[in-house]
């Protein structure tokens, strides 16, 4: 079997890796209202769950720069998938076994967040190292599978809840765990490019003394915050803030968000050699500001949900685009650069939704006001893209 596998299969299994990460990051948010009703969790507790998920991923991003090369990429990515599967299984059991359900949920989240963090750090440089002609396009296509994963999580979860009932969400957690379990065995067999073992790139100290990297790091932070501030709260915003049914809210909110985000990434993968990435990301940032204002200020629930969905289109290229920008401007960045960028991205993923949750609680549980504040993240991204353009022109 080994002889029949090629780098195409490596790329395909990497696609599945991002699909797994989408399951990890988007399944629990669909259950926030259920957690509130079943385990009596507050908005502050829900915000803490989001923060813990991405804070753990952030920590793994940082530490991975020191241990991945020593342990090996294959061992780390296989272990990551097993941890993802275990965490999802824990989510369906531990909250009911622990005296404090919140502790059980946190333990589950920490377990699969470790797996998600490793997947994030390894998959992008893995595909970058595979022999392909259009690196920026391939990177955008790779990241689109996170979107298709998010879409499938929302669609199939919504279908499951509508037919079997929300009370059986524990069963669905076990079903989603099958995907990372299967991909773990695929990752054991596919070929890995040797270039990943070469540790000849810039050190972490060199990266943090480089102005271009620091600008890219802030852009990545804004990308993560812009994307997750909406995707993590869209389902709750639709159900509790806009007062629409869970099915309609999930389909027109987080599901359409994922579809449009994936569409943007596939579209750019086709146009990457014709359109400047800086310009594409700048326009995306402006559209993102507009989408947050539309979602938070509109009095019409459908129009507000359209704002949530359009946000997906606007953030699509931000994350993979930043990876491509950094790889282009700093070709000797190597593993450490991808790990540190992932760290800043996860810092945005953690801080963005958490800030929205904190502002929501401070404003009398008004989620619209929390989302209004989130428009600051894409605005800062636009500013940093302008700064990056000026700095690279000087160099």
Protein backbone atom coordinates (compact mmCIF):
# COMPACT_ATOMS: atom_id res chain seq x y z
CA UNK A 1 0.00 0.00 0.00
CA UNK A 2 2.83 2.41 0.79
CA UNK A 3 4.13 2.22 -2.78
CA UNK A 4 0.81 3.36 -4.25
CA UNK A 5 0.64 6.52 -2.15
CA UNK A 6 2.02 9.82 -3.45
CA UNK A 7 2.30 13.40 -2.29
CA UNK A 8 -1.22 13.94 -3.62
CA UNK A 9 -2.45 11.63 -0.89
CA UNK A 10 -0.38 13.61 1.62
CA UNK A 11 -2.14 16.77 0.50
CA UNK A 12 -5.56 15.07 0.61
CA UNK A 13 -4.95 13.85 4.16
CA UNK A 14 -3.84 17.39 5.04
CA UNK A 15 -7.17 18.64 3.70
CA UNK A 16 -8.83 16.21 6.08
CA UNK A 17 -6.65 17.56 8.88
CA UNK A 18 -8.22 20.98 8.46
CA UNK A 19 -11.63 19.31 8.30
CA UNK A 20 -10.85 17.79 11.71
CA UNK A 21 -9.85 21.20 13.07
CA UNK A 22 -13.17 22.58 11.87
CA UNK A 23 -15.01 19.89 13.83
CA UNK A 24 -13.03 20.75 16.95
CA UNK A 25 -13.61 24.49 16.73
CA UNK A 26 -17.23 24.55 15.56
CA UNK A 27 -19.10 21.63 17.10
CA UNK A 28 -19.18 22.90 20.70
CA UNK A 29 -20.39 26.44 19.76
CA UNK A 30 -23.55 24.85 18.33
CA UNK A 31 -24.23 23.54 21.83
CA UNK A 32 -23.64 26.72 23.85
CA UNK A 33 -27.36 27.31 24.49
CA UNK A 34 -27.74 23.60 25.36
CA UNK A 35 -24.82 23.87 27.78
CA UNK A 36 -26.42 26.93 29.35
CA UNK A 37 -29.74 25.16 29.81
CA UNK A 38 -28.37 21.74 30.83
CA UNK A 39 -25.37 22.71 32.96
CA UNK A 40 -26.50 26.25 33.94
CA UNK A 41 -23.48 28.01 32.43
CA UNK A 42 -23.33 31.81 32.14
CA UNK A 43 -22.13 33.85 29.15
CA UNK A 44 -18.91 34.39 31.09
CA UNK A 45 -18.42 30.62 31.46
CA UNK A 46 -19.13 30.07 27.76
CA UNK A 47 -16.60 32.80 26.90
CA UNK A 48 -14.08 31.00 29.12
CA UNK A 49 -14.62 27.76 27.18
CA UNK A 50 -13.81 29.56 23.92
CA UNK A 51 -10.77 31.17 25.51
CA UNK A 52 -9.46 27.86 26.89
CA UNK A 53 -9.80 26.12 23.52
CA UNK A 54 -7.71 28.66 21.66
CA UNK A 55 -5.39 29.46 24.56
CA UNK A 56 -4.33 25.79 24.64
CA UNK A 57 -3.88 25.82 20.87
CA UNK A 58 -1.82 28.98 21.25
CA UNK A 59 0.42 27.33 23.85
CA UNK A 60 0.93 24.31 21.58
CA UNK A 61 1.80 26.65 18.70
CA UNK A 62 4.54 28.18 20.82
CA UNK A 63 5.95 24.94 22.23
CA UNK A 64 5.79 23.08 18.91
CA UNK A 65 8.61 25.19 17.47
CA UNK A 66 10.88 23.46 19.99
CA UNK A 67 9.70 19.84 19.87
CA UNK A 68 8.22 19.01 16.45
CA UNK A 69 11.59 18.67 14.69
CA UNK A 70 12.86 16.49 17.53
CA UNK A 71 9.85 14.18 17.74
CA UNK A 72 9.09 14.15 14.02
CA UNK A 73 6.25 15.52 11.92
CA UNK A 74 4.58 12.18 11.31
CA UNK A 75 4.45 11.17 14.97
CA UNK A 76 3.10 14.59 15.96
CA UNK A 77 0.36 14.74 13.33
CA UNK A 78 -0.79 11.17 14.10
CA UNK A 79 -0.86 11.94 17.82
CA UNK A 80 -2.80 15.12 17.08
CA UNK A 81 -5.59 13.19 15.37
CA UNK A 82 -5.83 10.67 18.20
CA UNK A 83 -6.09 13.52 20.72
CA UNK A 84 -8.80 15.17 18.63
CA UNK A 85 -10.82 11.96 18.57
CA UNK A 86 -10.32 11.40 22.31
CA UNK A 87 -11.39 14.96 23.16
CA UNK A 88 -14.63 14.64 21.20
CA UNK A 89 -15.40 11.36 22.95
CA UNK A 90 -14.64 12.98 26.32
CA UNK A 91 -17.05 15.82 25.48
CA UNK A 92 -19.86 13.31 25.19
CA UNK A 93 -19.08 11.61 28.51
CA UNK A 94 -17.10 13.63 31.06
CA UNK A 95 -19.63 16.45 31.69
CA UNK A 96 -22.02 13.77 32.96
CA UNK A 97 -19.37 11.91 34.98
CA UNK A 98 -17.80 14.89 36.77
CA UNK A 99 -19.60 16.42 39.73
CA UNK A 100 -18.92 19.80 38.13
CA UNK A 101 -19.95 19.52 34.47
CA UNK A 102 -17.93 22.62 33.56
CA UNK A 103 -14.72 20.86 34.63
CA UNK A 104 -15.61 17.88 32.44
CA UNK A 105 -16.17 20.14 29.44
CA UNK A 106 -12.87 21.95 30.08
CA UNK A 107 -10.94 18.65 30.29
CA UNK A 108 -12.46 17.56 26.97
CA UNK A 109 -11.67 20.88 25.31
CA UNK A 110 -8.06 20.86 26.51
CA UNK A 111 -7.58 17.36 25.09
CA UNK A 112 -8.84 18.12 21.59
CA UNK A 113 -7.32 21.62 21.60
CA UNK A 114 -3.85 20.07 21.91
CA UNK A 115 -4.61 18.01 18.82
CA UNK A 116 -5.99 21.02 16.96
CA UNK A 117 -2.92 23.12 17.78
CA UNK A 118 -0.59 20.45 16.42
CA UNK A 119 -2.67 20.09 13.26
CA UNK A 120 -2.55 23.85 12.65
CA UNK A 121 1.24 24.02 13.00
CA UNK A 122 2.05 20.93 10.92
CA UNK A 123 -0.43 20.89 8.05
CA UNK A 124 0.45 24.24 6.43
CA UNK A 125 4.22 23.68 6.18
CA UNK A 126 3.53 20.07 5.18
CA UNK A 127 1.55 21.18 2.12
CA UNK A 128 3.98 24.05 1.49
CA UNK A 129 6.81 21.49 1.27
CA UNK A 130 4.97 19.16 -1.11
CA UNK A 131 5.89 19.61 -4.80
CA UNK A 132 3.19 21.94 -6.20
CA UNK A 133 3.35 24.74 -8.76
CA UNK A 134 1.06 27.40 -7.26
CA UNK A 135 1.96 27.67 -3.57
CA UNK A 136 -0.39 30.56 -2.69
CA UNK A 137 -3.30 28.95 -4.51
CA UNK A 138 -2.63 25.56 -2.92
CA UNK A 139 -2.45 27.15 0.53
CA UNK A 140 -5.78 28.91 0.00
CA UNK A 141 -7.36 25.68 -1.26
CA UNK A 142 -5.98 23.81 1.76
CA UNK A 143 -7.52 26.29 4.18
CA UNK A 144 -10.84 26.12 2.33
CA UNK A 145 -11.30 22.63 3.77
CA UNK A 146 -11.61 24.17 7.21
CA UNK A 147 -14.63 26.00 5.79
CA UNK A 148 -16.14 22.89 4.19
CA UNK A 149 -15.59 21.14 7.51
CA UNK A 150 -17.37 23.93 9.34
CA UNK A 151 -20.22 23.79 6.83
CA UNK A 152 -20.57 20.03 7.24
CA UNK A 153 -20.46 20.29 11.03
CA UNK A 154 -23.33 22.79 11.00
CA UNK A 155 -25.37 21.01 8.31
CA UNK A 156 -25.11 17.47 9.65
CA UNK A 157 -25.40 18.58 13.26
CA UNK A 158 -28.51 20.58 12.42
CA UNK A 159 -29.97 17.61 10.55
CA UNK A 160 -29.13 15.33 13.47
CA UNK A 161 -30.66 17.68 16.04
CA UNK A 162 -33.80 18.08 13.92
CA UNK A 163 -34.35 14.34 13.51
CA UNK A 164 -32.88 12.70 16.62
CA UNK A 165 -33.28 15.65 18.99
CA UNK A 166 -30.79 17.96 20.68
CA UNK A 167 -30.81 15.71 23.77
CA UNK A 168 -28.72 13.15 21.85
CA UNK A 169 -25.86 15.56 21.09
CA UNK A 170 -23.55 13.20 23.01
CA UNK A 171 -24.01 10.54 20.31
CA UNK A 172 -23.06 13.05 17.63
CA UNK A 173 -19.84 13.86 19.47
CA UNK A 174 -18.82 10.19 19.13
CA UNK A 175 -19.77 10.14 15.45
CA UNK A 176 -17.62 13.20 14.69
CA UNK A 177 -14.69 11.50 16.48
CA UNK A 178 -14.59 8.82 13.75
CA UNK A 179 -13.11 11.25 11.19
CA UNK A 180 -9.88 12.13 13.06
CA UNK A 181 -9.51 8.50 14.07
CA UNK A 182 -9.57 7.33 10.44
CA UNK A 183 -7.28 10.13 9.21
CA UNK A 184 -4.75 9.25 11.90
CA UNK A 185 -4.20 5.87 10.22
CA UNK A 186 -3.99 7.53 6.80
CA UNK A 187 -1.29 9.90 8.09
CA UNK A 188 0.72 6.88 9.21
CA UNK A 189 1.01 5.67 5.60
CA UNK A 190 1.33 8.75 3.35
CA UNK A 191 4.80 10.00 2.28
CA UNK A 192 6.22 13.08 4.02
CA UNK A 193 8.53 15.51 2.17
CA UNK A 194 12.08 15.40 3.50
CA UNK A 195 12.41 19.17 3.43
CA UNK A 196 10.43 19.35 6.66
CA UNK A 197 13.27 17.79 8.58
CA UNK A 198 15.73 20.50 7.51
CA UNK A 199 16.14 23.01 10.31
CA UNK A 200 17.88 25.76 8.35
CA UNK A 201 15.38 28.58 8.69
CA UNK A 202 15.28 31.71 10.82
CA UNK A 203 15.31 31.22 14.57
CA UNK A 204 12.51 32.53 16.79
CA UNK A 205 14.83 35.30 18.03
CA UNK A 206 15.58 36.34 14.44
CA UNK A 207 11.88 36.32 13.57
CA UNK A 208 10.91 38.59 16.45
CA UNK A 209 13.65 41.05 15.50
CA UNK A 210 12.33 41.21 11.92
CA UNK A 211 9.90 44.06 11.23
CA UNK A 212 8.13 42.24 8.37
CA UNK A 213 7.44 39.21 10.53
CA UNK A 214 6.06 41.36 13.36
CA UNK A 215 3.67 43.09 10.96
CA UNK A 216 2.55 39.72 9.55
CA UNK A 217 2.06 38.50 13.12
CA UNK A 218 -0.33 41.36 13.91
CA UNK A 219 -2.17 40.73 10.63
CA UNK A 220 -2.53 37.07 11.60
CA UNK A 221 -3.83 38.02 15.04
CA UNK A 222 -6.45 40.28 13.43
CA UNK A 223 -7.34 37.52 10.95
CA UNK A 224 -8.04 35.01 13.72
CA UNK A 225 -10.03 37.54 15.75
CA UNK A 226 -12.07 38.71 12.74
CA UNK A 227 -12.99 35.14 11.79
CA UNK A 228 -13.69 33.56 15.16
CA UNK A 229 -15.42 36.52 16.83
CA UNK A 230 -18.26 35.94 14.38
CA UNK A 231 -18.14 32.17 13.80
CA UNK A 232 -18.03 31.30 17.52
CA UNK A 233 -20.98 33.54 18.42
CA UNK A 234 -23.11 33.35 15.25
CA UNK A 235 -25.28 30.44 16.43
CA UNK A 236 -25.87 31.98 19.87
CA UNK A 237 -26.46 35.41 18.31
CA UNK A 238 -29.12 33.99 15.99
CA UNK A 239 -30.88 31.93 18.66
CA UNK A 240 -30.83 34.27 21.66
CA UNK A 241 -30.17 37.68 20.13
CA UNK A 242 -32.26 37.56 16.95
CA UNK A 243 -34.89 35.17 18.38
CA UNK A 244 -34.99 32.86 15.35
CA UNK A 245 -35.21 29.07 15.57
CA UNK A 246 -31.99 27.12 16.06
CA UNK A 247 -32.34 25.37 12.69
CA UNK A 248 -32.87 28.58 10.69
CA UNK A 249 -30.29 30.46 12.72
CA UNK A 250 -27.58 27.83 12.24
CA UNK A 251 -28.28 27.48 8.51
CA UNK A 252 -28.36 31.21 7.75
CA UNK A 253 -25.66 32.11 10.28
CA UNK A 254 -22.66 29.80 10.86
CA UNK A 255 -23.44 27.46 7.95
CA UNK A 256 -23.69 30.18 5.30
CA UNK A 257 -20.68 31.84 6.96
CA UNK A 258 -18.66 28.67 6.32
CA UNK A 259 -19.90 28.25 2.74
CA UNK A 260 -18.94 31.80 1.79
CA UNK A 261 -15.60 31.58 3.59
CA UNK A 262 -14.77 28.41 1.68
CA UNK A 263 -15.94 29.98 -1.58
CA UNK A 264 -13.61 32.94 -1.02
CA UNK A 265 -10.66 30.60 -0.47
CA UNK A 266 -11.39 28.45 -3.52
CA UNK A 267 -11.95 31.58 -5.62
CA UNK A 268 -8.61 33.03 -4.59
CA UNK A 269 -6.86 29.72 -5.27
CA UNK A 270 -7.99 30.16 -8.90
CA UNK A 271 -7.19 33.88 -9.12
CA UNK A 272 -4.03 34.01 -7.00
CA UNK A 273 -1.74 34.53 -9.98
CA UNK A 274 -3.87 37.36 -11.38
CA UNK A 275 -4.76 39.47 -8.31
CA UNK A 276 -2.40 41.05 -5.78
CA UNK A 277 -2.77 39.33 -2.42
CA UNK A 278 -2.33 42.64 -0.57
CA UNK A 279 -5.19 44.24 -2.49
CA UNK A 280 -7.42 41.18 -2.14
CA UNK A 281 -6.88 41.12 1.62
CA UNK A 282 -7.42 44.88 1.93
CA UNK A 283 -10.78 44.67 0.16
CA UNK A 284 -11.65 41.66 2.32
CA UNK A 285 -10.87 43.69 5.45
CA UNK A 286 -13.17 46.52 4.35
CA UNK A 287 -15.96 44.05 3.59
CA UNK A 288 -15.42 42.49 7.02
CA UNK A 289 -15.89 45.83 8.79
CA UNK A 290 -19.12 46.33 6.85
CA UNK A 291 -20.39 42.82 7.71
CA UNK A 292 -19.87 43.33 11.46
CA UNK A 293 -21.68 46.66 11.35
CA UNK A 294 -24.52 45.11 9.35
CA UNK A 295 -24.91 42.21 11.78
CA UNK A 296 -24.74 44.33 14.92
CA UNK A 297 -26.75 47.40 13.88
CA UNK A 298 -29.55 45.96 11.73
CA UNK A 299 -32.97 45.66 13.36
CA UNK A 300 -34.06 43.04 10.81
CA UNK A 301 -33.07 39.48 11.88
CA UNK A 302 -32.62 38.24 8.30
CA UNK A 303 -30.44 41.21 7.35
CA UNK A 304 -28.39 40.72 10.53
CA UNK A 305 -27.92 37.04 9.64
CA UNK A 306 -26.79 38.10 6.17
CA UNK A 307 -24.16 40.23 7.90
CA UNK A 308 -22.96 37.09 9.72
CA UNK A 309 -22.80 35.20 6.44
CA UNK A 310 -21.03 37.95 4.48
CA UNK A 311 -18.42 38.03 7.24
CA UNK A 312 -17.47 34.50 6.13
CA UNK A 313 -16.82 35.75 2.58
CA UNK A 314 -14.72 38.62 3.91
CA UNK A 315 -12.44 36.60 6.22
CA UNK A 316 -11.87 33.72 3.79
CA UNK A 317 -8.46 34.78 2.48
CA UNK A 318 -7.15 36.46 5.65
CA UNK A 319 -5.61 33.45 7.44
CA UNK A 320 -4.11 31.53 4.46
CA UNK A 321 -3.24 34.86 2.82
CA UNK A 322 -1.12 35.87 5.79
CA UNK A 323 0.76 32.55 5.62
CA UNK A 324 1.40 33.17 1.92
CA UNK A 325 2.48 36.77 2.50
CA UNK A 326 4.95 35.71 5.17
CA UNK A 327 6.29 32.81 3.08
CA UNK A 328 6.80 35.21 0.16
CA UNK A 329 8.44 38.03 2.15
CA UNK A 330 10.46 35.72 4.43
CA UNK A 331 11.32 32.58 2.42
CA UNK A 332 13.76 31.39 5.13
CA UNK A 333 11.09 31.51 7.86
CA UNK A 334 10.81 27.70 8.04
CA UNK A 335 8.97 25.74 10.74
CA UNK A 336 9.43 28.39 13.42
CA UNK A 337 7.71 31.04 11.31
CA UNK A 338 4.65 28.89 10.64
CA UNK A 339 4.47 27.95 14.31
CA UNK A 340 4.71 31.57 15.48
CA UNK A 341 2.17 32.78 12.93
CA UNK A 342 -0.19 30.03 14.05
CA UNK A 343 0.43 31.20 17.61
CA UNK A 344 -0.61 34.76 16.78
CA UNK A 345 -3.56 33.47 14.77
CA UNK A 346 -4.78 31.40 17.71
CA UNK A 347 -4.19 34.39 19.99
CA UNK A 348 -6.68 36.24 17.80
CA UNK A 349 -9.02 33.23 17.79
CA UNK A 350 -8.92 33.23 21.58
CA UNK A 351 -9.05 36.96 22.29
CA UNK A 352 -11.60 37.93 19.61
CA UNK A 353 -14.55 35.81 20.82
CA UNK A 354 -13.55 36.31 24.46
CA UNK A 355 -13.59 40.10 24.12
CA UNK A 356 -16.97 39.92 22.39
CA UNK A 357 -18.27 37.76 25.26
CA UNK A 358 -16.87 40.10 27.91
CA UNK A 359 -18.39 43.18 26.27
CA UNK A 360 -21.68 41.34 25.86
CA UNK A 361 -21.79 40.53 29.58
CA UNK A 362 -20.85 44.12 30.48
CA UNK A 363 -23.60 45.47 28.21
CA UNK A 364 -26.41 43.48 29.81
CA UNK A 365 -25.98 40.32 27.67
CA UNK A 366 -26.48 42.36 24.47
CA UNK A 367 -24.49 40.35 21.92
CA UNK A 368 -25.08 42.98 19.20
CA UNK A 369 -22.88 45.43 21.09
CA UNK A 370 -20.16 42.84 21.49
CA UNK A 371 -20.16 42.16 17.74
CA UNK A 372 -20.14 45.89 16.99
CA UNK A 373 -16.85 46.22 18.86
CA UNK A 374 -15.38 43.32 16.85
CA UNK A 375 -15.31 45.53 13.74
CA UNK A 376 -12.09 46.95 15.22
CA UNK A 377 -10.19 43.75 14.30
CA UNK A 378 -10.55 43.94 10.48
CA UNK A 379 -10.00 47.71 10.66
CA UNK A 380 -6.62 47.13 12.32
CA UNK A 381 -5.83 44.47 9.70
CA UNK A 382 -6.34 47.02 6.90
CA UNK A 383 -3.98 49.45 8.63
CA UNK A 384 -1.28 46.79 9.07
CA UNK A 385 -1.54 45.72 5.41
CA UNK A 386 -0.86 49.34 4.46
CA UNK A 387 2.15 49.43 6.81
CA UNK A 388 3.45 46.14 5.36
CA UNK A 389 3.20 47.55 1.85
CA UNK A 390 5.21 50.62 2.86
CA UNK A 391 7.89 48.61 4.66
CA UNK A 392 8.40 46.09 1.82
CA UNK A 393 8.62 48.92 -0.76
CA UNK A 394 11.42 50.54 1.25
CA UNK A 395 13.30 47.22 1.47
